[in-house]
Amino acid sequence: MSRFILREIERALERPSRNELLDAIQAQPEIALDPSPAEIIRAERELR
């Protein structure tokens, strides 16, 4: 195999799997936004 392909395979293997990413995201604490994203979008739409 070419060096390029071998490097790409190595890089792909170093990245976390989809399940590892999902687990890491779910482990993060929930953040309460004030104002909520819906409120921000609604206010922006009302300005138009």
C-alpha atoms as a PDB file:
ATOM      1  CA  MET A   1       0.000   0.000   0.000  1.00  0.00           C
ATOM      2  CA  SER A   2       1.074   3.528  -0.552  1.00  0.00           C
ATOM      3  CA  ARG A   3       2.286   5.627   2.357  1.00  0.00           C
ATOM      4  CA  PHE A   4      -0.670   7.935   1.883  1.00  0.00           C
ATOM      5  CA  ILE A   5      -3.185   5.125   2.314  1.00  0.00           C
ATOM      6  CA  LEU A   6      -1.333   3.765   5.342  1.00  0.00           C
ATOM      7  CA  ARG A   7      -1.341   7.234   6.965  1.00  0.00           C
ATOM      8  CA  GLU A   8      -5.047   7.614   6.288  1.00  0.00           C
ATOM      9  CA  ILE A   9      -5.768   4.225   7.858  1.00  0.00           C
ATOM     10  CA  GLU A  10      -3.676   5.140  10.909  1.00  0.00           C
ATOM     11  CA  ARG A  11      -5.501   8.462  11.272  1.00  0.00           C
ATOM     12  CA  ALA A  12      -8.880   6.758  11.003  1.00  0.00           C
ATOM     13  CA  LEU A  13      -7.932   4.247  13.692  1.00  0.00           C
ATOM     14  CA  GLU A  14      -6.801   7.023  16.050  1.00  0.00           C
ATOM     15  CA  ARG A  15     -10.185   8.777  15.942  1.00  0.00           C
ATOM     16  CA  PRO A  16     -12.864   7.802  18.471  1.00  0.00           C
ATOM     17  CA  SER A  17     -15.638   5.568  17.227  1.00  0.00           C
ATOM     18  CA  ARG A  18     -19.192   6.806  16.828  1.00  0.00           C
ATOM     19  CA  ASN A  19     -20.220   5.068  20.049  1.00  0.00           C
ATOM     20  CA  GLU A  20     -17.289   6.597  21.947  1.00  0.00           C
ATOM     21  CA  LEU A  21     -18.317  10.054  20.735  1.00  0.00           C
ATOM     22  CA  LEU A  22     -21.943   9.492  21.713  1.00  0.00           C
ATOM     23  CA  ASP A  23     -20.892   8.248  25.166  1.00  0.00           C
ATOM     24  CA  ALA A  24     -18.710  11.323  25.672  1.00  0.00           C
ATOM     25  CA  ILE A  25     -21.535  13.648  24.642  1.00  0.00           C
ATOM     26  CA  GLN A  26     -24.035  11.923  26.924  1.00  0.00           C
ATOM     27  CA  ALA A  27     -21.590  12.134  29.842  1.00  0.00           C
ATOM     28  CA  GLN A  28     -21.543  15.943  29.604  1.00  0.00           C
ATOM     29  CA  PRO A  29     -23.799  17.831  32.013  1.00  0.00           C
ATOM     30  CA  GLU A  30     -26.875  19.528  30.608  1.00  0.00           C
ATOM     31  CA  ILE A  31     -26.618  23.263  30.167  1.00  0.00           C
ATOM     32  CA  ALA A  32     -29.607  25.544  30.735  1.00  0.00           C
ATOM     33  CA  LEU A  33     -29.528  28.398  28.256  1.00  0.00           C
ATOM     34  CA  ASP A  34     -31.216  31.662  29.112  1.00  0.00           C
ATOM     35  CA  PRO A  35     -32.800  32.768  26.893  1.00  0.00           C
ATOM     36  CA  SER A  36     -33.516  29.485  25.203  1.00  0.00           C
ATOM     37  CA  PRO A  37     -32.506  28.945  21.570  1.00  0.00           C
ATOM     38  CA  ALA A  38     -36.196  28.971  20.609  1.00  0.00           C
ATOM     39  CA  GLU A  39     -36.656  32.356  22.286  1.00  0.00           C
ATOM     40  CA  ILE A  40     -33.624  33.767  20.485  1.00  0.00           C
ATOM     41  CA  ILE A  41     -34.874  32.530  17.104  1.00  0.00           C
ATOM     42  CA  ARG A  42     -38.389  33.831  17.787  1.00  0.00           C
ATOM     43  CA  ALA A  43     -37.042  37.278  18.731  1.00  0.00           C
ATOM     44  CA  GLU A  44     -34.861  37.356  15.612  1.00  0.00           C
ATOM     45  CA  ARG A  45     -37.836  36.440  13.396  1.00  0.00           C
ATOM     46  CA  GLU A  46     -39.973  39.144  14.988  1.00  0.00           C
ATOM     47  CA  LEU A  47     -37.360  41.741  14.001  1.00  0.00           C
ATOM     48  CA  ARG A  48     -37.895  40.991  10.311  1.00  0.00           C
END
